[in-house]
Amino acid sequence: MTAQQFSSLSDLEQVSAILEFGHLMGRNVEDDQRVFLYRIESFYVSATYSALNDQLTEITCFLDADQATPHFRKQLISINPAEREISDRQEW
């Protein structure tokens, strides 16, 4: 699946694709929201949920991990070292 194919899916299909193909790379929990960063093949997806009602509020697709918010860059290194080794070999 490419990022373009993912972006063309409906919201429900995107959630299904994340659950089926997504590899959790990082998470950020704040007072009002929880954001999860996933890798799906050659691209990244962030899923944002409201902390108040656990409702999905946004799904964003990134071609490069550096396009994600800066706090994810730190978490990519700290949460999953095995995945970091794979990612470090790719040109970011």
C-alpha atoms as a PDB file:
ATOM      1  CA  MET A   1       0.000   0.000   0.000  1.00  0.00           C
ATOM      2  CA  THR A   2       1.272   3.456  -0.856  1.00  0.00           C
ATOM      3  CA  ALA A   3       0.602   6.704   0.995  1.00  0.00           C
ATOM      4  CA  GLN A   4      -1.561   7.853  -1.916  1.00  0.00           C
ATOM      5  CA  GLN A   5      -3.646   4.672  -1.747  1.00  0.00           C
ATOM      6  CA  PHE A   6      -4.009   5.082   2.023  1.00  0.00           C
ATOM      7  CA  SER A   7      -5.110   8.705   1.662  1.00  0.00           C
ATOM      8  CA  SER A   8      -7.796   7.729  -0.830  1.00  0.00           C
ATOM      9  CA  LEU A   9      -9.426   5.307   1.666  1.00  0.00           C
ATOM     10  CA  SER A  10     -12.459   6.287   3.742  1.00  0.00           C
ATOM     11  CA  ASP A  11     -11.911   7.020   7.445  1.00  0.00           C
ATOM     12  CA  LEU A  12     -13.138   3.563   8.421  1.00  0.00           C
ATOM     13  CA  GLU A  13     -10.899   1.896   5.833  1.00  0.00           C
ATOM     14  CA  GLN A  14      -7.920   3.939   7.068  1.00  0.00           C
ATOM     15  CA  VAL A  15      -8.533   2.756  10.639  1.00  0.00           C
ATOM     16  CA  SER A  16      -8.765  -0.828   9.385  1.00  0.00           C
ATOM     17  CA  ALA A  17      -5.502  -0.432   7.449  1.00  0.00           C
ATOM     18  CA  ILE A  18      -3.765   0.972  10.543  1.00  0.00           C
ATOM     19  CA  LEU A  19      -4.975  -1.959  12.638  1.00  0.00           C
ATOM     20  CA  GLU A  20      -3.996  -4.518  10.010  1.00  0.00           C
ATOM     21  CA  PHE A  21      -0.727  -3.132   8.646  1.00  0.00           C
ATOM     22  CA  GLY A  22       0.400  -0.440  11.095  1.00  0.00           C
ATOM     23  CA  HIS A  23       3.438  -0.830  13.320  1.00  0.00           C
ATOM     24  CA  LEU A  24       3.315   1.442  16.399  1.00  0.00           C
ATOM     25  CA  MET A  25       6.362   3.693  16.401  1.00  0.00           C
ATOM     26  CA  GLY A  26       5.513   6.252  19.062  1.00  0.00           C
ATOM     27  CA  ARG A  27       2.806   7.812  21.168  1.00  0.00           C
ATOM     28  CA  ASN A  28       2.231  11.118  22.858  1.00  0.00           C
ATOM     29  CA  VAL A  29      -0.336  11.616  25.607  1.00  0.00           C
ATOM     30  CA  GLU A  30      -1.349  15.153  26.513  1.00  0.00           C
ATOM     31  CA  ASP A  31      -4.146  16.522  28.673  1.00  0.00           C
ATOM     32  CA  ASP A  32      -6.693  16.766  25.874  1.00  0.00           C
ATOM     33  CA  GLN A  33      -5.451  14.299  23.247  1.00  0.00           C
ATOM     34  CA  ARG A  34      -3.547  11.102  22.558  1.00  0.00           C
ATOM     35  CA  VAL A  35      -1.526  10.801  19.351  1.00  0.00           C
ATOM     36  CA  PHE A  36      -0.155   7.531  17.994  1.00  0.00           C
ATOM     37  CA  LEU A  37       2.431   7.294  15.198  1.00  0.00           C
ATOM     38  CA  TYR A  38       2.402   4.190  13.000  1.00  0.00           C
ATOM     39  CA  ARG A  39       4.582   2.997  10.132  1.00  0.00           C
ATOM     40  CA  ILE A  40       2.780   1.318   7.252  1.00  0.00           C
ATOM     41  CA  GLU A  41       5.238  -0.008   4.684  1.00  0.00           C
ATOM     42  CA  SER A  42       7.061   3.079   3.349  1.00  0.00           C
ATOM     43  CA  PHE A  43       5.069   5.853   5.040  1.00  0.00           C
ATOM     44  CA  TYR A  44       3.843   7.020   8.455  1.00  0.00           C
ATOM     45  CA  VAL A  45       0.395   7.733   9.840  1.00  0.00           C
ATOM     46  CA  SER A  46      -0.578   9.621  12.977  1.00  0.00           C
ATOM     47  CA  ALA A  47      -3.930   8.978  14.630  1.00  0.00           C
ATOM     48  CA  THR A  48      -5.189  11.587  17.089  1.00  0.00           C
ATOM     49  CA  TYR A  49      -7.829  10.759  19.697  1.00  0.00           C
ATOM     50  CA  SER A  50      -9.661  12.998  22.131  1.00  0.00           C
ATOM     51  CA  ALA A  51      -8.634  12.136  25.672  1.00  0.00           C
ATOM     52  CA  LEU A  52     -12.079  13.143  26.937  1.00  0.00           C
ATOM     53  CA  ASN A  53     -14.210  10.702  24.957  1.00  0.00           C
ATOM     54  CA  ASP A  54     -11.634   8.477  23.168  1.00  0.00           C
ATOM     55  CA  GLN A  55     -13.031   9.661  19.814  1.00  0.00           C
ATOM     56  CA  LEU A  56     -10.764   9.582  16.760  1.00  0.00           C
ATOM     57  CA  THR A  57     -10.379  13.212  15.661  1.00  0.00           C
ATOM     58  CA  GLU A  58      -7.710  13.115  12.927  1.00  0.00           C
ATOM     59  CA  ILE A  59      -5.650  10.773  10.763  1.00  0.00           C
ATOM     60  CA  THR A  60      -2.632  12.283   9.023  1.00  0.00           C
ATOM     61  CA  CYS A  61      -0.328  10.598   6.520  1.00  0.00           C
ATOM     62  CA  PHE A  62       3.418  11.424   6.275  1.00  0.00           C
ATOM     63  CA  LEU A  63       5.911  10.247   3.686  1.00  0.00           C
ATOM     64  CA  ASP A  64       8.824  10.908   6.017  1.00  0.00           C
ATOM     65  CA  ALA A  65       9.050  10.553   9.792  1.00  0.00           C
ATOM     66  CA  ASP A  66      10.641  14.012   9.977  1.00  0.00           C
ATOM     67  CA  GLN A  67       7.377  15.494   8.694  1.00  0.00           C
ATOM     68  CA  ALA A  68       5.695  14.341  11.901  1.00  0.00           C
ATOM     69  CA  THR A  69       5.703  16.692  14.847  1.00  0.00           C
ATOM     70  CA  PRO A  70       9.120  17.073  16.541  1.00  0.00           C
ATOM     71  CA  HIS A  71       8.149  15.200  19.718  1.00  0.00           C
ATOM     72  CA  PHE A  72       7.636  12.069  17.599  1.00  0.00           C
ATOM     73  CA  ARG A  73      11.205  12.205  16.339  1.00  0.00           C
ATOM     74  CA  LYS A  74      12.443  11.775  19.909  1.00  0.00           C
ATOM     75  CA  GLN A  75       9.942   8.981  20.561  1.00  0.00           C
ATOM     76  CA  LEU A  76      10.887   7.138  17.384  1.00  0.00           C
ATOM     77  CA  ILE A  77      14.327   6.722  18.880  1.00  0.00           C
ATOM     78  CA  SER A  78      13.224   5.926  22.425  1.00  0.00           C
ATOM     79  CA  ILE A  79      10.191   3.657  21.947  1.00  0.00           C
ATOM     80  CA  ASN A  80      11.350   1.058  19.478  1.00  0.00           C
ATOM     81  CA  PRO A  81      15.140   0.665  19.126  1.00  0.00           C
ATOM     82  CA  ALA A  82      14.813  -2.330  16.785  1.00  0.00           C
ATOM     83  CA  GLU A  83      12.726  -0.291  14.379  1.00  0.00           C
ATOM     84  CA  ARG A  84      15.134   2.621  14.723  1.00  0.00           C
ATOM     85  CA  GLU A  85      17.947   0.426  13.402  1.00  0.00           C
ATOM     86  CA  ILE A  86      15.888  -0.312  10.283  1.00  0.00           C
ATOM     87  CA  SER A  87      14.923   3.347   9.867  1.00  0.00           C
ATOM     88  CA  ASP A  88      18.489   4.601  10.318  1.00  0.00           C
ATOM     89  CA  ARG A  89      19.528   2.682   7.212  1.00  0.00           C
ATOM     90  CA  GLN A  90      16.991   4.538   5.095  1.00  0.00           C
ATOM     91  CA  GLU A  91      17.639   8.028   3.779  1.00  0.00           C
ATOM     92  CA  TRP A  92      15.460  10.424   5.803  1.00  0.00           C
END
